[in-house]
Amino acid sequence: MTSKVRPNGQVVIPKIMRDEFRISPGDEVDLALDGAAVRVELVRETTSLRGSLAGRGLVSALKADHRTERKR
């Protein structure tokens, strides 16, 4: 699939490709040189895992495990 470079340097990503990779207006893409080619990758947001295990009682379980180990 080909696309022409516009006078302002923009290139249109064909709709079929935008749909395949779920690229929407406003999304960020990363451009990288890959030999003689230009690679375009969608920048995916990474979500923080901080607090995702809160409330699961893991500290209590760890303390209980520690007490058990100390008794051995």
C-alpha atoms as a PDB file:
ATOM      1  CA  MET A   1       0.000   0.000   0.000  1.00  0.00           C
ATOM      2  CA  THR A   2       1.433   3.394  -0.904  1.00  0.00           C
ATOM      3  CA  SER A   3       0.754   6.920   0.256  1.00  0.00           C
ATOM      4  CA  LYS A   4       2.106  10.248  -1.013  1.00  0.00           C
ATOM      5  CA  VAL A   5       3.946  12.727   1.156  1.00  0.00           C
ATOM      6  CA  ARG A   6       2.018  16.007   1.326  1.00  0.00           C
ATOM      7  CA  PRO A   7       3.746  19.368   0.817  1.00  0.00           C
ATOM      8  CA  ASN A   8       3.861  19.899   4.610  1.00  0.00           C
ATOM      9  CA  GLY A   9       5.623  16.529   5.136  1.00  0.00           C
ATOM     10  CA  GLN A  10       2.575  14.604   6.352  1.00  0.00           C
ATOM     11  CA  VAL A  11       1.800  11.053   5.271  1.00  0.00           C
ATOM     12  CA  VAL A  12      -1.643   9.498   5.617  1.00  0.00           C
ATOM     13  CA  ILE A  13      -1.834   6.086   7.280  1.00  0.00           C
ATOM     14  CA  PRO A  14      -4.483   4.220   5.270  1.00  0.00           C
ATOM     15  CA  LYS A  15      -7.775   3.584   7.091  1.00  0.00           C
ATOM     16  CA  ILE A  16      -7.458  -0.192   6.870  1.00  0.00           C
ATOM     17  CA  MET A  17      -4.151   0.033   8.761  1.00  0.00           C
ATOM     18  CA  ARG A  18      -5.489   2.546  11.307  1.00  0.00           C
ATOM     19  CA  ASP A  19      -8.402   0.209  11.981  1.00  0.00           C
ATOM     20  CA  GLU A  20      -6.138  -2.846  12.272  1.00  0.00           C
ATOM     21  CA  PHE A  21      -3.892  -1.155  14.833  1.00  0.00           C
ATOM     22  CA  ARG A  22      -6.662   0.911  16.468  1.00  0.00           C
ATOM     23  CA  ILE A  23      -4.959   4.219  15.684  1.00  0.00           C
ATOM     24  CA  SER A  24      -7.260   7.165  16.359  1.00  0.00           C
ATOM     25  CA  PRO A  25      -6.864  10.915  15.784  1.00  0.00           C
ATOM     26  CA  GLY A  26      -4.660  12.341  18.525  1.00  0.00           C
ATOM     27  CA  ASP A  27      -2.802   9.074  19.214  1.00  0.00           C
ATOM     28  CA  GLU A  28       0.977   9.317  19.368  1.00  0.00           C
ATOM     29  CA  VAL A  29       3.194   7.294  17.069  1.00  0.00           C
ATOM     30  CA  ASP A  30       6.916   6.665  17.301  1.00  0.00           C
ATOM     31  CA  LEU A  31       8.937   6.957  14.102  1.00  0.00           C
ATOM     32  CA  ALA A  32      12.214   5.044  13.850  1.00  0.00           C
ATOM     33  CA  LEU A  33      14.714   4.353  11.110  1.00  0.00           C
ATOM     34  CA  ASP A  34      14.966   0.643  10.365  1.00  0.00           C
ATOM     35  CA  GLY A  35      17.688   0.229   7.766  1.00  0.00           C
ATOM     36  CA  ALA A  36      16.318   1.821   4.602  1.00  0.00           C
ATOM     37  CA  ALA A  37      12.778   1.935   5.995  1.00  0.00           C
ATOM     38  CA  VAL A  38      10.823   4.065   8.438  1.00  0.00           C
ATOM     39  CA  ARG A  39       8.987   2.125  11.141  1.00  0.00           C
ATOM     40  CA  VAL A  40       5.814   3.605  12.633  1.00  0.00           C
ATOM     41  CA  GLU A  41       4.732   2.269  16.032  1.00  0.00           C
ATOM     42  CA  LEU A  42       1.758   3.307  18.101  1.00  0.00           C
ATOM     43  CA  VAL A  43       2.799   4.614  21.506  1.00  0.00           C
ATOM     44  CA  ARG A  44       0.739   2.642  24.015  1.00  0.00           C
ATOM     45  CA  GLU A  45       0.142   4.162  27.409  1.00  0.00           C
ATOM     46  CA  THR A  46       1.557   2.146  30.247  1.00  0.00           C
ATOM     47  CA  THR A  47      -0.567   2.026  33.323  1.00  0.00           C
ATOM     48  CA  SER A  48       0.986   2.079  36.736  1.00  0.00           C
ATOM     49  CA  LEU A  49       0.629  -1.052  38.830  1.00  0.00           C
ATOM     50  CA  ARG A  50       1.081   0.962  42.010  1.00  0.00           C
ATOM     51  CA  GLY A  51      -1.672   0.077  44.467  1.00  0.00           C
ATOM     52  CA  SER A  52      -3.118  -2.690  42.300  1.00  0.00           C
ATOM     53  CA  LEU A  53      -2.593  -5.265  45.072  1.00  0.00           C
ATOM     54  CA  ALA A  54      -3.865  -3.056  47.888  1.00  0.00           C
ATOM     55  CA  GLY A  55      -6.397  -4.654  50.192  1.00  0.00           C
ATOM     56  CA  ARG A  56      -5.377  -8.220  49.446  1.00  0.00           C
ATOM     57  CA  GLY A  57      -3.798  -8.849  52.837  1.00  0.00           C
ATOM     58  CA  LEU A  58      -0.394  -9.609  51.405  1.00  0.00           C
ATOM     59  CA  VAL A  59       1.489  -7.861  54.221  1.00  0.00           C
ATOM     60  CA  SER A  60      -0.364  -9.936  56.820  1.00  0.00           C
ATOM     61  CA  ALA A  61       0.366 -13.108  54.885  1.00  0.00           C
ATOM     62  CA  LEU A  62       4.043 -12.181  54.614  1.00  0.00           C
ATOM     63  CA  LYS A  63       4.262 -11.455  58.359  1.00  0.00           C
ATOM     64  CA  ALA A  64       2.569 -14.774  59.182  1.00  0.00           C
ATOM     65  CA  ASP A  65       4.949 -16.564  56.850  1.00  0.00           C
ATOM     66  CA  HIS A  66       7.887 -14.846  58.535  1.00  0.00           C
ATOM     67  CA  ARG A  67       6.666 -15.901  62.002  1.00  0.00           C
ATOM     68  CA  THR A  68       6.309 -19.503  60.797  1.00  0.00           C
ATOM     69  CA  GLU A  69       9.845 -19.471  59.425  1.00  0.00           C
ATOM     70  CA  ARG A  70      11.245 -18.064  62.664  1.00  0.00           C
ATOM     71  CA  LYS A  71       9.646 -20.894  64.658  1.00  0.00           C
ATOM     72  CA  ARG A  72      11.474 -23.572  62.629  1.00  0.00           C
END
